[in-house]
PDB file of N, CA and C in Angstrom:
ATOM      1  N   MET A   1      -7.091  29.421  66.238  1.00  0.00           N
ATOM      2  CA  MET A   1      -6.522  28.260  66.390  1.00  0.00           C
ATOM      3  C   MET A   1      -5.135  28.764  67.204  1.00  0.00           C
ATOM      4  N   ARG A   2      -4.732  28.410  68.174  1.00  0.00           N
ATOM      5  CA  ARG A   2      -3.815  28.825  68.949  1.00  0.00           C
ATOM      6  C   ARG A   2      -2.389  28.274  68.744  1.00  0.00           C
ATOM      7  N   VAL A   3      -1.276  29.149  68.294  1.00  0.00           N
ATOM      8  CA  VAL A   3      -0.015  28.333  68.126  1.00  0.00           C
ATOM      9  C   VAL A   3       0.975  28.705  68.832  1.00  0.00           C
ATOM     10  N   LEU A   4       1.735  27.695  69.195  1.00  0.00           N
ATOM     11  CA  LEU A   4       2.822  27.698  70.384  1.00  0.00           C
ATOM     12  C   LEU A   4       4.164  28.656  69.628  1.00  0.00           C
ATOM     13  N   PRO A   5       4.876  29.323  70.596  1.00  0.00           N
ATOM     14  CA  PRO A   5       5.570  30.294  69.890  1.00  0.00           C
ATOM     15  C   PRO A   5       6.707  29.599  68.941  1.00  0.00           C
ATOM     16  N   ASP A   6       7.247  28.480  69.342  1.00  0.00           N
ATOM     17  CA  ASP A   6       8.096  27.523  68.710  1.00  0.00           C
ATOM     18  C   ASP A   6       7.476  27.197  67.366  1.00  0.00           C
ATOM     19  N   GLU A   7       6.377  27.271  67.002  1.00  0.00           N
ATOM     20  CA  GLU A   7       5.570  26.730  66.149  1.00  0.00           C
ATOM     21  C   GLU A   7       5.253  28.128  64.960  1.00  0.00           C
ATOM     22  N   ARG A   8       5.658  29.267  65.517  1.00  0.00           N
ATOM     23  CA  ARG A   8       5.496  30.138  64.533  1.00  0.00           C
ATOM     24  C   ARG A   8       6.576  30.388  63.600  1.00  0.00           C
ATOM     25  N   THR A   9       6.026  30.934  62.059  1.00  0.00           N
ATOM     26  CA  THR A   9       6.748  30.800  61.013  1.00  0.00           C
ATOM     27  C   THR A   9       7.810  32.157  61.246  1.00  0.00           C
ATOM     28  N   THR A  10       9.232  32.092  61.105  1.00  0.00           N
ATOM     29  CA  THR A  10      10.049  33.129  61.399  1.00  0.00           C
ATOM     30  C   THR A  10      10.159  33.740  60.075  1.00  0.00           C
ATOM     31  N   PRO A  11      10.562  35.211  60.241  1.00  0.00           N
ATOM     32  CA  PRO A  11      10.638  36.015  59.001  1.00  0.00           C
ATOM     33  C   PRO A  11      11.559  35.056  57.885  1.00  0.00           C
ATOM     34  N   GLU A  12      12.687  34.519  58.317  1.00  0.00           N
ATOM     35  CA  GLU A  12      13.657  33.672  57.540  1.00  0.00           C
ATOM     36  C   GLU A  12      12.720  32.454  56.821  1.00  0.00           C
ATOM     37  N   GLN A  13      11.920  32.118  57.759  1.00  0.00           N
ATOM     38  CA  GLN A  13      10.993  31.000  56.692  1.00  0.00           C
ATOM     39  C   GLN A  13      10.266  31.266  55.735  1.00  0.00           C
ATOM     40  N   PHE A  14       9.815  32.771  56.000  1.00  0.00           N
ATOM     41  CA  PHE A  14       8.883  33.460  54.879  1.00  0.00           C
ATOM     42  C   PHE A  14       9.421  33.684  53.613  1.00  0.00           C
ATOM     43  N   GLU A  15      10.727  34.150  53.977  1.00  0.00           N
ATOM     44  CA  GLU A  15      11.734  34.742  52.797  1.00  0.00           C
ATOM     45  C   GLU A  15      12.072  33.462  51.983  1.00  0.00           C
ATOM     46  N   ALA A  16      12.027  32.497  52.638  1.00  0.00           N
ATOM     47  CA  ALA A  16      12.405  30.957  52.047  1.00  0.00           C
ATOM     48  C   ALA A  16      11.402  30.727  51.055  1.00  0.00           C
ATOM     49  N   PHE A  17      10.130  30.889  51.623  1.00  0.00           N
ATOM     50  CA  PHE A  17       9.121  30.299  50.933  1.00  0.00           C
ATOM     51  C   PHE A  17       8.826  31.429  49.624  1.00  0.00           C
ATOM     52  N   ARG A  18       8.904  32.591  49.855  1.00  0.00           N
ATOM     53  CA  ARG A  18       8.905  33.785  48.753  1.00  0.00           C
ATOM     54  C   ARG A  18       9.762  33.339  47.588  1.00  0.00           C
ATOM     55  N   ARG A  19      11.058  32.857  47.887  1.00  0.00           N
ATOM     56  CA  ARG A  19      12.141  32.552  47.076  1.00  0.00           C
ATOM     57  C   ARG A  19      11.996  31.108  46.231  1.00  0.00           C
ATOM     58  N   MET A  20      11.133  30.299  46.694  1.00  0.00           N
ATOM     59  CA  MET A  20      10.480  29.151  46.107  1.00  0.00           C
ATOM     60  C   MET A  20       9.612  29.400  44.837  1.00  0.00           C
ATOM     61  N   THR A  21      10.011  28.680  43.664  1.00  0.00           N
ATOM     62  CA  THR A  21       9.289  28.787  42.540  1.00  0.00           C
ATOM     63  C   THR A  21       7.821  28.078  42.994  1.00  0.00           C
ATOM     64  N   PRO A  22       6.680  28.534  42.223  1.00  0.00           N
ATOM     65  CA  PRO A  22       5.202  27.831  42.599  1.00  0.00           C
ATOM     66  C   PRO A  22       5.220  26.345  42.721  1.00  0.00           C
ATOM     67  N   GLU A  23       6.381  25.911  41.610  1.00  0.00           N
ATOM     68  CA  GLU A  23       6.136  24.279  41.593  1.00  0.00           C
ATOM     69  C   GLU A  23       6.751  23.688  42.797  1.00  0.00           C
ATOM     70  N   LYS A  24       7.986  24.583  43.240  1.00  0.00           N
ATOM     71  CA  LYS A  24       8.510  23.798  44.646  1.00  0.00           C
ATOM     72  C   LYS A  24       7.544  23.907  45.839  1.00  0.00           C
ATOM     73  N   ARG A  25       6.721  24.964  45.771  1.00  0.00           N
ATOM     74  CA  ARG A  25       5.772  25.230  46.891  1.00  0.00           C
ATOM     75  C   ARG A  25       4.821  24.202  46.778  1.00  0.00           C
ATOM     76  N   LEU A  26       4.042  23.759  45.347  1.00  0.00           N
ATOM     77  CA  LEU A  26       3.346  23.022  45.104  1.00  0.00           C
ATOM     78  C   LEU A  26       3.560  21.608  45.596  1.00  0.00           C
ATOM     79  N   ALA A  27       4.916  21.223  45.214  1.00  0.00           N
ATOM     80  CA  ALA A  27       5.610  20.019  45.551  1.00  0.00           C
ATOM     81  C   ALA A  27       5.610  19.905  46.904  1.00  0.00           C
ATOM     82  N   LEU A  28       6.173  21.108  47.642  1.00  0.00           N
ATOM     83  CA  LEU A  28       6.194  20.669  49.377  1.00  0.00           C
ATOM     84  C   LEU A  28       4.860  20.546  49.941  1.00  0.00           C
ATOM     85  N   GLY A  29       3.878  21.182  49.316  1.00  0.00           N
ATOM     86  CA  GLY A  29       2.468  21.150  49.905  1.00  0.00           C
ATOM     87  C   GLY A  29       1.951  19.524  49.659  1.00  0.00           C
ATOM     88  N   GLU A  30       2.200  19.150  48.469  1.00  0.00           N
ATOM     89  CA  GLU A  30       1.788  17.629  48.385  1.00  0.00           C
ATOM     90  C   GLU A  30       2.400  16.717  49.134  1.00  0.00           C
ATOM     91  N   THR A  31       3.659  16.882  49.505  1.00  0.00           N
ATOM     92  CA  THR A  31       4.413  16.090  50.279  1.00  0.00           C
ATOM     93  C   THR A  31       3.994  16.122  51.674  1.00  0.00           C
ATOM     94  N   LEU A  32       3.669  17.108  52.059  1.00  0.00           N
ATOM     95  CA  LEU A  32       2.815  17.445  53.397  1.00  0.00           C
ATOM     96  C   LEU A  32       1.576  16.628  53.241  1.00  0.00           C
ATOM     97  N   TYR A  33       0.742  16.767  52.425  1.00  0.00           N
ATOM     98  CA  TYR A  33      -0.518  16.007  52.128  1.00  0.00           C
ATOM     99  C   TYR A  33      -0.466  14.651  52.540  1.00  0.00           C
ATOM    100  N   TRP A  34       0.551  14.150  51.924  1.00  0.00           N
ATOM    101  CA  TRP A  34       0.693  12.700  51.803  1.00  0.00           C
ATOM    102  C   TRP A  34       0.888  12.085  52.905  1.00  0.00           C
ATOM    103  N   SER A  35       2.313  12.917  53.546  1.00  0.00           N
ATOM    104  CA  SER A  35       2.503  12.692  54.757  1.00  0.00           C
ATOM    105  C   SER A  35       1.574  12.579  55.745  1.00  0.00           C
ATOM    106  N   ALA A  36       0.564  13.542  55.808  1.00  0.00           N
ATOM    107  CA  ALA A  36      -0.280  13.482  56.699  1.00  0.00           C
ATOM    108  C   ALA A  36      -1.279  12.550  56.775  1.00  0.00           C
ATOM    109  N   ARG A  37      -1.509  12.188  55.171  1.00  0.00           N
ATOM    110  CA  ARG A  37      -2.285  10.561  55.190  1.00  0.00           C
ATOM    111  C   ARG A  37      -1.385   9.553  55.559  1.00  0.00           C
ATOM    112  N   GLU A  38      -0.295   9.486  55.495  1.00  0.00           N
ATOM    113  CA  GLU A  38       0.481   8.262  55.991  1.00  0.00           C
ATOM    114  C   GLU A  38       0.145   8.283  57.495  1.00  0.00           C
ATOM    115  N   TRP A  39       0.547   9.300  58.271  1.00  0.00           N
ATOM    116  CA  TRP A  39       0.497   9.256  59.625  1.00  0.00           C
ATOM    117  C   TRP A  39      -0.727   9.068  60.269  1.00  0.00           C
ATOM    118  N   LYS A  40      -2.053   9.598  59.380  1.00  0.00           N
ATOM    119  CA  LYS A  40      -3.121   9.231  59.796  1.00  0.00           C
ATOM    120  C   LYS A  40      -3.789   7.669  59.790  1.00  0.00           C
ATOM    121  N   ALA A  41      -2.925   7.089  58.500  1.00  0.00           N
ATOM    122  CA  ALA A  41      -3.381   5.676  58.524  1.00  0.00           C
ATOM    123  C   ALA A  41      -2.492   4.788  59.675  1.00  0.00           C
ATOM    124  N   ALA A  42      -1.311   5.268  59.962  1.00  0.00           N
ATOM    125  CA  ALA A  42      -0.578   4.591  60.993  1.00  0.00           C
ATOM    126  C   ALA A  42      -1.353   4.720  62.284  1.00  0.00           C
ATOM    127  N   TRP A  43      -1.848   5.854  62.540  1.00  0.00           N
ATOM    128  CA  TRP A  43      -2.644   6.131  63.873  1.00  0.00           C
ATOM    129  C   TRP A  43      -3.956   5.219  63.958  1.00  0.00           C
ATOM    130  N   LEU A  44      -4.559   4.987  62.731  1.00  0.00           N
ATOM    131  CA  LEU A  44      -5.929   4.460  62.754  1.00  0.00           C
ATOM    132  C   LEU A  44      -5.643   2.865  62.918  1.00  0.00           C
ATOM    133  N   ARG A  45      -4.340   2.326  62.401  1.00  0.00           N
ATOM    134  CA  ARG A  45      -4.045   1.018  62.446  1.00  0.00           C
ATOM    135  C   ARG A  45      -3.654   0.502  64.059  1.00  0.00           C
ATOM    136  N   VAL A  46      -3.325   1.720  64.701  1.00  0.00           N
ATOM    137  CA  VAL A  46      -2.883   1.449  66.058  1.00  0.00           C
ATOM    138  C   VAL A  46      -4.322   1.388  66.940  1.00  0.00           C
ATOM    139  N   GLN A  47      -5.183   2.399  66.382  1.00  0.00           N
ATOM    140  CA  GLN A  47      -6.375   2.346  67.184  1.00  0.00           C
ATOM    141  C   GLN A  47      -7.522   1.055  66.625  1.00  0.00           C
ATOM    142  N   HIS A  48      -7.315   0.793  65.570  1.00  0.00           N
ATOM    143  CA  HIS A  48      -8.170  -0.122  65.280  1.00  0.00           C
ATOM    144  C   HIS A  48      -7.687  -1.330  64.276  1.00  0.00           C
ATOM    145  N   PRO A  49      -6.664  -2.159  65.396  1.00  0.00           N
ATOM    146  CA  PRO A  49      -6.179  -3.532  64.686  1.00  0.00           C
ATOM    147  C   PRO A  49      -6.923  -4.354  64.142  1.00  0.00           C
ATOM    148  N   ASP A  50      -8.146  -4.083  64.152  1.00  0.00           N
ATOM    149  CA  ASP A  50      -9.083  -5.210  63.559  1.00  0.00           C
ATOM    150  C   ASP A  50      -9.712  -4.632  62.227  1.00  0.00           C
ATOM    151  N   TRP A  51      -9.288  -3.514  61.832  1.00  0.00           N
ATOM    152  CA  TRP A  51      -9.735  -2.927  60.469  1.00  0.00           C
ATOM    153  C   TRP A  51      -8.780  -3.125  59.287  1.00  0.00           C
ATOM    154  N   SER A  52      -9.548  -3.813  58.343  1.00  0.00           N
ATOM    155  CA  SER A  52      -8.882  -4.016  57.090  1.00  0.00           C
ATOM    156  C   SER A  52      -8.183  -2.990  56.535  1.00  0.00           C
ATOM    157  N   GLU A  53      -7.264  -2.982  55.391  1.00  0.00           N
ATOM    158  CA  GLU A  53      -6.578  -1.768  54.636  1.00  0.00           C
ATOM    159  C   GLU A  53      -7.815  -1.077  54.019  1.00  0.00           C
ATOM    160  N   THR A  54      -9.011  -1.602  53.697  1.00  0.00           N
ATOM    161  CA  THR A  54      -9.733  -0.802  52.948  1.00  0.00           C
ATOM    162  C   THR A  54     -10.758  -0.031  53.987  1.00  0.00           C
ATOM    163  N   ASP A  55     -10.774  -0.548  54.992  1.00  0.00           N
ATOM    164  CA  ASP A  55     -11.607   0.236  56.037  1.00  0.00           C
ATOM    165  C   ASP A  55     -10.643   1.566  56.399  1.00  0.00           C
ATOM    166  N   ILE A  56      -9.296   1.018  56.576  1.00  0.00           N
ATOM    167  CA  ILE A  56      -8.339   2.307  56.729  1.00  0.00           C
ATOM    168  C   ILE A  56      -8.533   3.434  55.739  1.00  0.00           C
ATOM    169  N   ALA A  57      -8.531   2.721  54.452  1.00  0.00           N
ATOM    170  CA  ALA A  57      -8.447   3.827  53.086  1.00  0.00           C
ATOM    171  C   ALA A  57      -9.762   4.749  53.428  1.00  0.00           C
ATOM    172  N   ARG A  58     -10.723   3.908  53.490  1.00  0.00           N
ATOM    173  CA  ARG A  58     -12.137   4.543  53.337  1.00  0.00           C
ATOM    174  C   ARG A  58     -12.273   5.642  54.807  1.00  0.00           C
ATOM    175  N   GLU A  59     -11.517   5.340  55.743  1.00  0.00           N
ATOM    176  CA  GLU A  59     -11.601   6.305  56.854  1.00  0.00           C
ATOM    177  C   GLU A  59     -10.927   7.715  56.688  1.00  0.00           C
ATOM    178  N   ILE A  60      -9.696   7.280  55.998  1.00  0.00           N
ATOM    179  CA  ILE A  60      -8.772   8.395  56.001  1.00  0.00           C
ATOM    180  C   ILE A  60      -9.530   9.300  54.671  1.00  0.00           C
ATOM    181  N   THR A  61     -10.122   8.684  53.835  1.00  0.00           N
ATOM    182  CA  THR A  61     -10.638   9.609  52.619  1.00  0.00           C
ATOM    183  C   THR A  61     -11.707  10.360  53.381  1.00  0.00           C
ATOM    184  N   ARG A  62     -12.539   9.727  54.252  1.00  0.00           N
ATOM    185  CA  ARG A  62     -13.477  10.374  54.684  1.00  0.00           C
ATOM    186  C   ARG A  62     -13.165  11.634  55.519  1.00  0.00           C
ATOM    187  N   ASN A  63     -12.063  11.086  56.422  1.00  0.00           N
ATOM    188  CA  ASN A  63     -11.544  12.449  57.448  1.00  0.00           C
ATOM    189  C   ASN A  63     -10.920  13.553  56.560  1.00  0.00           C
ATOM    190  N   PHE A  64     -10.290  13.574  55.515  1.00  0.00           N
ATOM    191  CA  PHE A  64      -9.732  14.482  54.672  1.00  0.00           C
ATOM    192  C   PHE A  64     -10.758  15.148  53.850  1.00  0.00           C
ATOM    193  N   LEU A  65     -11.773  14.381  53.379  1.00  0.00           N
ATOM    194  CA  LEU A  65     -12.700  15.217  52.741  1.00  0.00           C
ATOM    195  C   LEU A  65     -13.421  15.976  53.492  1.00  0.00           C
ATOM    196  N   HIS A  66     -14.123  15.666  55.020  1.00  0.00           N
ATOM    197  CA  HIS A  66     -14.328  16.751  55.757  1.00  0.00           C
ATOM    198  C   HIS A  66     -13.526  17.500  56.589  1.00  0.00           C
ATOM    199  N   ALA A  67     -12.368  17.296  56.229  1.00  0.00           N
ATOM    200  CA  ALA A  67     -11.310  18.236  57.377  1.00  0.00           C
ATOM    201  C   ALA A  67     -11.531  19.610  57.167  1.00  0.00           C
ATOM    202  N   ARG A  68     -11.206  20.142  58.469  1.00  0.00           N
ATOM    203  CA  ARG A  68     -11.271  21.711  58.539  1.00  0.00           C
ATOM    204  C   ARG A  68     -10.183  22.170  59.338  1.00  0.00           C
ATOM    205  N   THR A  69      -9.686  23.638  59.098  1.00  0.00           N
ATOM    206  CA  THR A  69      -8.476  23.820  59.685  1.00  0.00           C
ATOM    207  C   THR A  69      -8.853  24.722  61.178  1.00  0.00           C
TER     208      THR A  69
END
């Protein structure tokens, strides 16, 4: 995967992550995960305005279940 120069993790960011407790890093990861699901839901609502919330939830679950990096 190609990373743009302004998306690279800086040494200062690495140090900030190292100083965090495991609990804080886990909370940060959880926040990112749930934010990504919300963004995906918003995108699906735009792409498929005829879908019900059940359809959207099902598609998000399918996408995240089979996601790859």
